[in-house]
Amino acid sequence: MKKLSELTGHIKMQRLIGNPDVRITGLTMNSREVKPGMLFAAVKGTSADGHNYIPQAIANGAAAILCEQLPAFDTGKTTIIQTGNAAKAIGHLASAFYDFPSESIKVVGVTGTNGKTTIATLLYKLFENLGYPSGLISTIRVCVHLSSTEATHTTPDAITFQRHLAEMVEAGCQYAFVEVSSHAMDQFRVEGVHFAGGIFTNLTRDHLDYHLDFQSYLKAKKSFFDQLDSSAFALTNTEDRNGFVMLQNTPARKFSYTTRGSADFEARLIEQHIDGMLVSFDSLEVWIRFIGRYNVSNLLAVYCTARLLQQSQSEILTQLSGLDPVEGRLETVLLGNERIGIVDYAHTPDALENVLSTLGELKSGDSRIITVFGAGGDRDRGKRPLMAEVACRLSDQVIITSDNPRSENPEMIIEEIKKGIPAGTESRVLSISDRHEAIKTAVALSRKGDLVLLAGKGHETYQDINGVKHHFDDLEELSSLSTETLKL
């Protein structure tokens, strides 16, 4: 519980009506969650305006309302705080409410299109293994030292974010590794967070349903680095042409990494097999239980960050050699008859190309790559045909199916994907909207030595159809077929 005046000193107020010292028992942006004594933040979202729910918040007992527009009705004893940007202000209020947790723990943010989850998760595991209680906020899960819960967003809302950091501080965590999405930056979800460092992975087409154009997407990512202070480090991937763009205006200390050319930190892939890779980090070789050239870059980002956080080079490499891949990222299932099923989260053209290029390097003799993929509904439609082009170019057989159709017709999504099928490859493409049947068909079509890739859903254990999440797990689907297909 805090006095309101202890919180409002950290935001730009335009006006305060009521008791500046009213006791605040909690914060929320959801009027249905309001309980007596709480502060309700009326934030303007993409689909709803929190100002419309101020009456409900007051009826539920809100002690204070944070808003941009003053209510046009008598709010009684409820204190009103007017500010120019409620979404931005609530992050600073939450930081103060939870006693500025990011001042007591070193928070490192990872942003980019691909690789965020892998890098953040591996950093969390690495530092835990090095003996530092740590936290993780990722697309897949939130970890507070040894406790773990499933995540609902890549980056949670500002109040939840600060609460998680406070839980980490209370649990004795010394580091927190978090994914910072472009949505999070655009919606001020990490306002009030002091970052010890930031990592840029890469930037390819994604989320243009939200940002509308690539420059807006880039700007959202770049704003993360613009807001770092001079005590932080900013680490960028020089292999992406936008790498140095990210660091143009940052006050932070600048560092670079690459798997090609020269940079502050360098790694090289020496050899690769289906069960791992031999990689050189700053000329020191180590065997890693990962595959894929793009994972060399991900692991290098982990290595660099640990070095920048003053960890021993030998200890870092020792721990890297023992880490396992992140769930839903190139996870494999043995299907019998020397066939291998692979599940990966690749849901952008670039990510799909990375995965398929890796499998192309690993397949032997006359073995084939059979790819099953789709595209999410209510998301960037422009990437759909681009994914078809990549899949057809790098696969021997393609089955286009449903991903998370959401409110869209699965068949219509598939038709948009099919527009990208290159001329002359049509005979190698099937369309099966039922994902279960598509996977079953792919495995049935496979023969000795083939690689069967299920792309797009990775760690997800559901399929979103018309707003209802039905249980569906690609890994379970493959595992159930691994014994059945032995009879084929």
Protein backbone atom coordinates (compact mmCIF):
# COMPACT_ATOMS: atom_id res chain seq x y z
CA MET A 1 0.00 0.00 0.00
CA LYS A 2 1.28 3.45 -0.93
CA LYS A 3 0.11 7.03 -0.60
CA LEU A 4 -0.88 8.38 -4.02
CA SER A 5 1.56 11.28 -3.56
CA GLU A 6 4.41 8.75 -3.34
CA LEU A 7 3.52 7.61 -6.85
CA THR A 8 2.49 10.78 -8.67
CA GLY A 9 5.84 12.46 -7.99
CA HIS A 10 7.28 10.27 -10.73
CA ILE A 11 4.93 11.30 -13.57
CA LYS A 12 3.98 14.47 -15.40
CA MET A 13 0.59 15.50 -14.04
CA GLN A 14 -1.67 18.06 -15.66
CA ARG A 15 -4.18 18.12 -12.86
CA LEU A 16 -5.15 16.31 -9.65
CA ILE A 17 -8.68 16.47 -8.28
CA GLY A 18 -9.30 14.99 -4.85
CA ASN A 19 -7.06 13.63 -2.10
CA PRO A 20 -3.38 13.50 -3.12
CA ASP A 21 -2.57 11.23 -0.16
CA VAL A 22 -5.28 8.62 -0.64
CA ARG A 23 -4.01 5.10 0.09
CA ILE A 24 -3.52 2.94 -3.01
CA THR A 25 -3.76 -0.81 -2.53
CA GLY A 26 -3.07 -1.89 -6.10
CA LEU A 27 -2.96 -0.91 -9.78
CA THR A 28 -4.89 -2.18 -12.78
CA MET A 29 -5.85 -1.28 -16.33
CA ASN A 30 -8.84 -3.64 -16.27
CA SER A 31 -11.96 -2.11 -14.68
CA ARG A 32 -13.30 -5.60 -13.91
CA GLU A 33 -10.28 -6.23 -11.67
CA VAL A 34 -10.78 -3.07 -9.60
CA LYS A 35 -11.24 -3.62 -5.88
CA PRO A 36 -11.70 -0.97 -3.17
CA GLY A 37 -8.58 1.15 -2.79
CA MET A 38 -7.07 0.41 -6.20
CA LEU A 39 -5.95 2.87 -8.87
CA PHE A 40 -7.49 2.36 -12.31
CA ALA A 41 -5.49 3.53 -15.34
CA ALA A 42 -7.72 4.52 -18.25
CA VAL A 43 -5.46 3.65 -21.16
CA LYS A 44 -6.42 4.05 -24.81
CA GLY A 45 -5.77 0.70 -26.50
CA THR A 46 -5.97 -0.52 -30.07
CA SER A 47 -9.46 -1.95 -29.66
CA ALA A 48 -10.85 -0.25 -26.54
CA ASP A 49 -10.54 3.04 -24.67
CA GLY A 50 -10.14 2.71 -20.92
CA HIS A 51 -11.91 6.03 -20.42
CA ASN A 52 -15.19 4.29 -21.29
CA TYR A 53 -14.75 2.05 -18.23
CA ILE A 54 -14.13 4.74 -15.63
CA PRO A 55 -17.74 4.51 -14.30
CA GLN A 56 -17.36 0.76 -13.75
CA ALA A 57 -13.99 1.25 -12.02
CA ILE A 58 -15.51 3.84 -9.67
CA ALA A 59 -18.51 1.58 -8.97
CA ASN A 60 -16.07 -1.21 -8.05
CA GLY A 61 -14.38 1.02 -5.47
CA ALA A 62 -11.44 2.64 -7.27
CA ALA A 63 -9.66 5.10 -4.96
CA ALA A 64 -8.05 6.92 -7.88
CA ILE A 65 -8.32 7.18 -11.65
CA LEU A 66 -5.41 7.93 -13.98
CA CYS A 67 -6.69 9.37 -17.24
CA GLU A 68 -5.98 11.72 -20.13
CA GLN A 69 -9.49 13.19 -20.37
CA LEU A 70 -11.38 14.29 -17.27
CA PRO A 71 -14.70 12.47 -16.73
CA ALA A 72 -17.77 14.49 -17.68
CA PHE A 73 -19.64 13.37 -14.54
CA ASP A 74 -19.30 13.71 -10.79
CA THR A 75 -16.72 11.18 -9.60
CA GLY A 76 -17.58 11.63 -5.91
CA LYS A 77 -14.71 10.90 -3.55
CA THR A 78 -12.58 9.18 -6.20
CA THR A 79 -9.33 11.08 -6.84
CA ILE A 80 -8.63 11.91 -10.49
CA ILE A 81 -5.12 12.29 -11.93
CA GLN A 82 -4.96 13.80 -15.40
CA THR A 83 -1.83 13.21 -17.50
CA GLY A 84 -0.89 13.62 -21.14
CA ASN A 85 -0.14 9.92 -21.72
CA ALA A 86 -1.72 7.39 -19.36
CA ALA A 87 -0.01 4.40 -20.99
CA LYS A 88 3.37 5.97 -20.39
CA ALA A 89 2.55 7.22 -16.89
CA ILE A 90 1.29 3.90 -15.55
CA GLY A 91 4.70 2.29 -16.05
CA HIS A 92 6.33 4.90 -13.80
CA LEU A 93 3.51 4.64 -11.26
CA ALA A 94 3.91 0.87 -11.22
CA SER A 95 7.66 1.16 -10.78
CA ALA A 96 7.16 3.42 -7.77
CA PHE A 97 4.37 1.23 -6.37
CA TYR A 98 6.65 -1.82 -6.46
CA ASP A 99 9.64 0.09 -5.01
CA PHE A 100 11.59 0.53 -8.26
CA PRO A 101 12.55 -3.13 -8.74
CA SER A 102 14.73 -2.56 -11.81
CA GLU A 103 17.09 -0.52 -9.62
CA SER A 104 17.75 -3.66 -7.54
CA ILE A 105 18.21 -6.17 -10.36
CA LYS A 106 20.12 -6.04 -13.64
CA VAL A 107 17.55 -6.19 -16.43
CA VAL A 108 18.66 -7.08 -19.96
CA GLY A 109 16.21 -6.70 -22.85
CA VAL A 110 16.29 -8.61 -26.12
CA THR A 111 14.55 -7.22 -29.19
CA GLY A 112 14.39 -8.09 -32.89
CA THR A 113 12.19 -10.22 -35.13
CA ASN A 114 13.71 -13.65 -34.58
CA GLY A 115 15.79 -15.15 -31.78
CA LYS A 116 14.39 -13.18 -28.82
CA THR A 117 12.97 -16.18 -26.98
CA THR A 118 16.02 -18.35 -27.55
CA ILE A 119 18.49 -15.69 -26.40
CA ALA A 120 16.51 -14.57 -23.34
CA THR A 121 15.82 -18.15 -22.24
CA LEU A 122 19.40 -19.30 -22.69
CA LEU A 123 20.69 -16.28 -20.77
CA TYR A 124 18.34 -17.16 -17.92
CA LYS A 125 19.51 -20.79 -17.91
CA LEU A 126 23.16 -19.79 -18.24
CA PHE A 127 23.11 -17.39 -15.29
CA GLU A 128 21.16 -19.83 -13.15
CA ASN A 129 23.83 -22.44 -13.92
CA LEU A 130 26.54 -19.92 -13.10
CA GLY A 131 25.01 -19.63 -9.63
CA TYR A 132 23.01 -16.42 -9.98
CA PRO A 133 19.30 -16.56 -9.13
CA SER A 134 17.69 -15.03 -12.23
CA GLY A 135 14.38 -14.15 -13.83
CA LEU A 136 12.92 -14.54 -17.30
CA ILE A 137 10.04 -12.84 -19.10
CA SER A 138 9.54 -14.46 -22.50
CA THR A 139 6.99 -15.48 -25.10
CA ILE A 140 6.83 -18.95 -23.58
CA ARG A 141 7.10 -18.45 -19.83
CA VAL A 142 7.87 -16.21 -16.89
CA CYS A 143 10.46 -17.57 -14.45
CA VAL A 144 11.22 -16.19 -11.01
CA HIS A 145 14.36 -18.07 -10.02
CA LEU A 146 13.18 -21.70 -9.95
CA SER A 147 9.42 -21.09 -10.22
CA SER A 148 7.82 -20.90 -13.65
CA THR A 149 4.44 -19.96 -15.15
CA GLU A 150 3.20 -19.86 -18.74
CA ALA A 151 3.31 -16.47 -20.41
CA THR A 152 0.35 -14.83 -22.15
CA HIS A 153 2.26 -12.10 -24.03
CA THR A 154 5.81 -11.72 -25.32
CA THR A 155 6.08 -8.61 -23.13
CA PRO A 156 3.33 -8.15 -20.49
CA ASP A 157 1.59 -4.87 -19.70
CA ALA A 158 3.48 -2.25 -17.68
CA ILE A 159 1.90 -3.12 -14.31
CA THR A 160 2.43 -6.87 -14.70
CA PHE A 161 5.99 -6.28 -15.91
CA GLN A 162 6.90 -4.30 -12.79
CA ARG A 163 5.15 -6.85 -10.57
CA HIS A 164 7.20 -9.66 -12.09
CA LEU A 165 10.41 -7.70 -11.50
CA ALA A 166 9.37 -7.08 -7.90
CA GLU A 167 8.76 -10.81 -7.43
CA MET A 168 12.24 -11.48 -8.81
CA VAL A 169 13.82 -9.00 -6.39
CA GLU A 170 11.94 -10.56 -3.47
CA ALA A 171 13.16 -14.01 -4.56
CA GLY A 172 16.77 -12.80 -4.51
CA CYS A 173 17.27 -12.68 -8.28
CA GLN A 174 20.28 -10.70 -9.44
CA TYR A 175 19.49 -10.70 -13.18
CA ALA A 176 16.38 -10.59 -15.34
CA PHE A 177 16.36 -11.40 -19.04
CA VAL A 178 13.32 -10.17 -20.92
CA GLU A 179 11.92 -10.06 -24.43
CA VAL A 180 10.99 -6.58 -25.59
CA SER A 181 8.53 -6.67 -28.49
CA SER A 182 7.77 -3.86 -30.92
CA HIS A 183 4.23 -3.80 -29.51
CA ALA A 184 5.70 -3.30 -26.04
CA MET A 185 7.69 -0.27 -27.15
CA ASP A 186 4.77 1.24 -29.05
CA GLN A 187 2.48 0.74 -26.06
CA PHE A 188 5.00 1.88 -23.40
CA ARG A 189 4.98 -1.46 -21.58
CA VAL A 190 8.58 -1.09 -20.38
CA GLU A 191 8.28 2.52 -19.20
CA GLY A 192 9.86 2.92 -15.79
CA VAL A 193 12.22 -0.02 -16.29
CA HIS A 194 15.94 0.65 -15.94
CA PHE A 195 17.81 -1.63 -18.33
CA ALA A 196 21.40 -2.72 -17.75
CA GLY A 197 21.66 -3.69 -21.40
CA GLY A 198 19.89 -4.30 -24.67
CA ILE A 199 20.42 -6.82 -27.47
CA PHE A 200 19.35 -6.50 -31.11
CA THR A 201 19.03 -9.75 -33.07
CA ASN A 202 17.69 -8.94 -36.56
CA LEU A 203 14.81 -7.24 -38.31
CA THR A 204 12.67 -8.90 -40.96
CA ARG A 205 9.06 -8.60 -42.00
CA ASP A 206 6.59 -9.24 -39.15
CA HIS A 207 3.71 -7.53 -37.32
CA LEU A 208 2.91 -5.25 -40.24
CA ASP A 209 -0.77 -5.82 -39.46
CA TYR A 210 -0.07 -3.62 -36.42
CA HIS A 211 2.71 -1.28 -37.53
CA LEU A 212 1.39 -0.98 -41.12
CA ASP A 213 4.83 -0.37 -42.66
CA PHE A 214 8.38 -1.57 -42.13
CA GLN A 215 9.76 1.84 -41.10
CA SER A 216 7.27 2.09 -38.24
CA TYR A 217 8.26 -1.41 -37.14
CA LEU A 218 11.96 -0.44 -37.26
CA LYS A 219 11.27 2.78 -35.36
CA ALA A 220 9.53 0.88 -32.57
CA LYS A 221 12.52 -1.44 -32.19
CA LYS A 222 15.01 1.42 -32.33
CA SER A 223 13.20 3.37 -29.62
CA PHE A 224 14.25 0.68 -27.12
CA PHE A 225 17.92 1.51 -27.68
CA ASP A 226 17.26 5.26 -27.80
CA GLN A 227 15.98 5.03 -24.23
CA LEU A 228 18.96 3.18 -22.74
CA ASP A 229 21.21 5.32 -20.56
CA SER A 230 24.99 5.70 -20.56
CA SER A 231 25.48 3.06 -17.86
CA ALA A 232 23.92 0.36 -20.06
CA PHE A 233 25.37 -1.62 -22.94
CA ALA A 234 23.81 -1.88 -26.40
CA LEU A 235 24.75 -5.01 -28.34
CA THR A 236 23.92 -5.34 -32.02
CA ASN A 237 24.15 -7.98 -34.73
CA THR A 238 26.21 -6.51 -37.59
CA GLU A 239 24.97 -9.15 -40.03
CA ASP A 240 21.65 -7.35 -40.18
CA ARG A 241 21.76 -4.14 -42.22
CA ASN A 242 19.67 -2.46 -39.52
CA GLY A 243 22.09 -3.42 -36.77
CA PHE A 244 23.95 -0.13 -36.57
CA VAL A 245 20.76 1.85 -37.26
CA MET A 246 19.52 0.61 -33.88
CA LEU A 247 22.51 2.18 -32.14
CA GLN A 248 22.65 5.52 -33.96
CA ASN A 249 21.18 7.59 -31.12
CA THR A 250 21.70 5.45 -28.06
CA PRO A 251 23.65 6.92 -25.13
CA ALA A 252 24.61 3.36 -24.12
CA ARG A 253 28.02 1.76 -24.61
CA LYS A 254 28.02 0.17 -28.07
CA PHE A 255 29.17 -3.36 -28.92
CA SER A 256 28.76 -5.62 -31.94
CA TYR A 257 28.75 -9.32 -32.75
CA THR A 258 28.93 -11.36 -35.94
CA THR A 259 29.39 -14.85 -37.34
CA ARG A 260 30.86 -13.31 -40.52
CA GLY A 261 33.39 -10.51 -40.89
CA SER A 262 34.74 -8.61 -37.90
CA ALA A 263 33.09 -7.21 -34.78
CA ASP A 264 33.76 -6.84 -31.06
CA PHE A 265 32.65 -10.45 -30.56
CA GLU A 266 32.93 -13.16 -33.22
CA ALA A 267 31.88 -16.77 -33.66
CA ARG A 268 32.41 -19.26 -36.47
CA LEU A 269 30.64 -22.51 -37.29
CA ILE A 270 33.31 -25.16 -37.76
CA GLU A 271 31.20 -28.26 -38.32
CA GLN A 272 27.54 -29.26 -37.95
CA HIS A 273 25.73 -32.55 -37.40
CA ILE A 274 22.14 -33.50 -36.61
CA ASP A 275 22.95 -33.59 -32.88
CA GLY A 276 25.00 -30.43 -32.55
CA MET A 277 27.71 -28.08 -33.79
CA LEU A 278 31.36 -27.30 -33.17
CA VAL A 279 31.60 -23.53 -32.80
CA SER A 280 34.48 -21.14 -32.23
CA PHE A 281 33.77 -18.20 -29.89
CA ASP A 282 36.55 -15.61 -30.06
CA SER A 283 38.83 -18.43 -31.33
CA LEU A 284 37.92 -20.88 -28.53
CA GLU A 285 36.16 -24.03 -29.78
CA VAL A 286 33.23 -25.66 -28.00
CA TRP A 287 30.66 -28.33 -28.89
CA ILE A 288 27.08 -27.04 -28.64
CA ARG A 289 23.90 -29.15 -28.56
CA PHE A 290 22.16 -26.91 -31.12
CA ILE A 291 21.90 -26.93 -34.90
CA GLY A 292 21.51 -24.12 -37.42
CA ARG A 293 23.80 -21.29 -38.47
CA TYR A 294 21.30 -18.81 -37.07
CA ASN A 295 21.69 -20.48 -33.68
CA VAL A 296 25.41 -19.73 -33.84
CA SER A 297 24.35 -16.07 -33.90
CA ASN A 298 21.87 -16.60 -31.04
CA LEU A 299 24.47 -18.36 -28.92
CA LEU A 300 27.03 -15.68 -29.71
CA ALA A 301 24.60 -13.03 -28.42
CA VAL A 302 24.30 -15.04 -25.20
CA TYR A 303 28.08 -15.35 -24.94
CA CYS A 304 28.61 -11.60 -25.58
CA THR A 305 26.03 -10.58 -23.02
CA ALA A 306 27.56 -12.78 -20.35
CA ARG A 307 30.99 -11.30 -21.10
CA LEU A 308 29.57 -7.78 -20.89
CA LEU A 309 28.08 -8.72 -17.53
CA GLN A 310 31.61 -9.55 -16.36
CA GLN A 311 31.40 -13.34 -16.42
CA SER A 312 34.42 -15.60 -16.97
CA GLN A 313 34.96 -16.65 -20.57
CA SER A 314 35.85 -20.24 -19.65
CA GLU A 315 32.84 -20.57 -17.34
CA ILE A 316 30.51 -19.20 -20.01
CA LEU A 317 31.72 -21.67 -22.64
CA THR A 318 31.58 -24.58 -20.21
CA GLN A 319 27.95 -23.79 -19.43
CA LEU A 320 27.02 -23.14 -23.08
CA SER A 321 28.21 -26.64 -23.97
CA GLY A 322 25.65 -28.11 -21.57
CA LEU A 323 22.59 -26.09 -22.59
CA ASP A 324 19.68 -27.63 -24.50
CA PRO A 325 17.58 -25.93 -27.20
CA VAL A 326 14.51 -23.93 -26.17
CA GLU A 327 11.16 -25.74 -26.40
CA GLY A 328 9.50 -25.45 -29.78
CA ARG A 329 12.72 -24.45 -31.48
CA LEU A 330 14.04 -27.23 -33.73
CA GLU A 331 12.72 -29.93 -31.40
CA THR A 332 13.03 -33.38 -32.92
CA VAL A 333 11.05 -36.63 -32.81
CA LEU A 334 12.38 -39.93 -34.18
CA LEU A 335 9.71 -41.31 -36.51
CA GLY A 336 11.35 -44.67 -37.25
CA ASN A 337 13.04 -45.85 -40.43
CA GLU A 338 15.68 -43.12 -39.98
CA ARG A 339 13.08 -40.40 -40.40
CA ILE A 340 13.11 -37.32 -38.19
CA GLY A 341 10.24 -35.01 -37.33
CA ILE A 342 11.09 -31.40 -36.45
CA VAL A 343 8.88 -28.83 -34.69
CA ASP A 344 9.82 -25.16 -34.95
CA TYR A 345 8.17 -21.82 -34.19
CA ALA A 346 9.28 -20.30 -37.53
CA HIS A 347 6.34 -18.10 -38.55
CA THR A 348 8.02 -15.45 -40.70
CA PRO A 349 9.61 -15.85 -44.16
CA ASP A 350 13.09 -15.22 -42.74
CA ALA A 351 12.71 -17.66 -39.84
CA LEU A 352 11.34 -20.34 -42.17
CA GLU A 353 14.24 -19.83 -44.56
CA ASN A 354 16.73 -20.16 -41.69
CA VAL A 355 15.23 -23.44 -40.52
CA LEU A 356 14.88 -24.95 -43.99
CA SER A 357 18.40 -23.90 -44.96
CA THR A 358 19.69 -25.64 -41.85
CA LEU A 359 17.79 -28.83 -42.67
CA GLY A 360 19.06 -28.64 -46.25
CA GLU A 361 22.64 -28.65 -44.95
CA LEU A 362 21.93 -31.62 -42.69
CA LYS A 363 20.00 -33.94 -44.97
CA SER A 364 21.97 -36.73 -46.60
CA GLY A 365 21.87 -38.61 -49.90
CA ASP A 366 18.44 -38.68 -51.48
CA SER A 367 16.56 -37.82 -48.28
CA ARG A 368 13.86 -35.18 -48.64
CA ILE A 369 12.44 -32.28 -46.66
CA ILE A 370 8.65 -32.31 -46.21
CA THR A 371 7.33 -29.04 -44.82
CA VAL A 372 3.96 -28.46 -43.16
CA PHE A 373 3.12 -24.82 -42.49
CA GLY A 374 0.37 -22.20 -42.45
CA ALA A 375 -0.08 -18.57 -41.45
CA GLY A 376 -1.90 -16.98 -38.54
CA GLY A 377 -5.24 -15.30 -39.09
CA ASP A 378 -5.80 -11.61 -38.25
CA ARG A 379 -2.09 -10.97 -38.72
CA ASP A 380 0.19 -9.61 -41.46
CA ARG A 381 -1.32 -10.95 -44.68
CA GLY A 382 1.57 -9.76 -46.82
CA LYS A 383 3.95 -12.40 -45.51
CA ARG A 384 1.69 -15.31 -46.50
CA PRO A 385 2.78 -15.69 -50.15
CA LEU A 386 6.39 -14.95 -49.14
CA MET A 387 6.36 -17.98 -46.86
CA ALA A 388 5.02 -20.14 -49.68
CA GLU A 389 7.90 -19.08 -51.92
CA VAL A 390 10.45 -19.97 -49.24
CA ALA A 391 8.83 -23.32 -48.42
CA CYS A 392 8.58 -24.38 -52.06
CA ARG A 393 12.13 -23.28 -52.87
CA LEU A 394 13.75 -25.13 -49.97
CA SER A 395 11.48 -28.18 -49.56
CA ASP A 396 10.89 -31.29 -51.64
CA GLN A 397 7.24 -31.55 -50.60
CA VAL A 398 5.01 -28.85 -49.08
CA ILE A 399 1.69 -29.19 -47.27
CA ILE A 400 -0.10 -25.89 -46.62
CA THR A 401 -2.42 -26.06 -43.62
CA SER A 402 -3.96 -24.03 -40.79
CA ASP A 403 -1.92 -22.30 -38.13
CA ASN A 404 -4.06 -20.20 -35.77
CA PRO A 405 -6.82 -19.02 -38.12
CA ARG A 406 -8.44 -16.92 -35.37
CA SER A 407 -11.44 -15.11 -36.90
CA GLU A 408 -10.45 -15.78 -40.52
CA ASN A 409 -11.59 -18.61 -42.78
CA PRO A 410 -8.71 -21.16 -42.90
CA GLU A 411 -9.37 -21.91 -46.56
CA MET A 412 -9.08 -18.22 -47.45
CA ILE A 413 -5.75 -17.97 -45.62
CA ILE A 414 -4.48 -20.98 -47.56
CA GLU A 415 -5.56 -19.40 -50.85
CA GLU A 416 -3.54 -16.27 -50.01
CA ILE A 417 -0.53 -18.40 -49.12
CA LYS A 418 -0.80 -20.29 -52.43
CA LYS A 419 -0.37 -17.07 -54.40
CA GLY A 420 3.34 -17.31 -53.59
CA ILE A 421 3.86 -20.81 -55.01
CA PRO A 422 6.58 -20.49 -57.69
CA ALA A 423 5.71 -21.63 -61.20
CA GLY A 424 6.71 -25.22 -61.81
CA THR A 425 6.47 -26.32 -58.17
CA GLU A 426 2.70 -26.76 -57.99
CA SER A 427 2.91 -30.55 -58.25
CA ARG A 428 4.90 -30.66 -55.00
CA VAL A 429 2.28 -28.77 -52.99
CA LEU A 430 -0.79 -30.09 -51.17
CA SER A 431 -3.41 -28.08 -49.28
CA ILE A 432 -5.03 -29.71 -46.22
CA SER A 433 -6.70 -27.23 -43.88
CA ASP A 434 -7.07 -29.69 -40.98
CA ARG A 435 -3.67 -29.49 -39.29
CA HIS A 436 -3.95 -32.95 -37.76
CA GLU A 437 -4.61 -34.50 -41.17
CA ALA A 438 -1.86 -32.42 -42.76
CA ILE A 439 0.70 -33.71 -40.25
CA LYS A 440 -0.54 -37.28 -40.61
CA THR A 441 -0.26 -37.02 -44.40
CA ALA A 442 3.26 -35.58 -44.23
CA VAL A 443 4.48 -38.45 -42.08
CA ALA A 444 2.70 -41.01 -44.29
CA LEU A 445 4.43 -39.54 -47.37
CA SER A 446 7.86 -39.64 -45.76
CA ARG A 447 10.33 -42.38 -46.50
CA LYS A 448 13.66 -43.55 -45.12
CA GLY A 449 15.92 -40.66 -44.12
CA ASP A 450 13.38 -37.88 -44.71
CA LEU A 451 13.00 -34.79 -42.53
CA VAL A 452 9.44 -33.72 -41.71
CA LEU A 453 9.20 -30.08 -40.56
CA LEU A 454 6.15 -28.69 -38.76
CA ALA A 455 6.60 -24.93 -38.81
CA GLY A 456 4.77 -22.01 -37.25
CA LYS A 457 3.48 -23.10 -33.86
CA GLY A 458 6.50 -24.47 -32.02
CA HIS A 459 5.87 -24.43 -28.27
CA GLU A 460 2.16 -23.56 -28.58
CA THR A 461 -0.23 -26.16 -27.20
CA TYR A 462 -3.40 -24.76 -28.74
CA GLN A 463 -5.01 -23.77 -32.01
CA ASP A 464 -6.99 -20.51 -31.96
CA ILE A 465 -10.20 -20.91 -34.01
CA ASN A 466 -12.83 -18.18 -33.83
CA GLY A 467 -11.61 -16.99 -30.44
CA VAL A 468 -11.60 -20.47 -28.89
CA LYS A 469 -8.29 -22.11 -28.02
CA HIS A 470 -8.48 -25.84 -28.78
CA HIS A 471 -5.73 -28.11 -27.47
CA PHE A 472 -3.25 -28.82 -30.24
CA ASP A 473 0.44 -29.63 -29.83
CA ASP A 474 2.62 -30.28 -32.90
CA LEU A 475 5.12 -32.23 -30.79
CA GLU A 476 2.34 -34.46 -29.43
CA GLU A 477 1.03 -34.99 -32.95
CA LEU A 478 4.42 -36.16 -34.18
CA SER A 479 5.04 -38.29 -31.11
CA SER A 480 1.72 -40.09 -31.53
CA LEU A 481 2.65 -40.89 -35.11
CA SER A 482 6.20 -42.01 -34.32
CA THR A 483 4.98 -45.48 -33.31
CA GLU A 484 2.12 -45.75 -35.81
CA THR A 485 4.39 -44.98 -38.74
CA LEU A 486 6.77 -47.79 -37.88
CA LYS A 487 4.17 -50.04 -39.48
CA LEU A 488 4.14 -48.18 -42.81
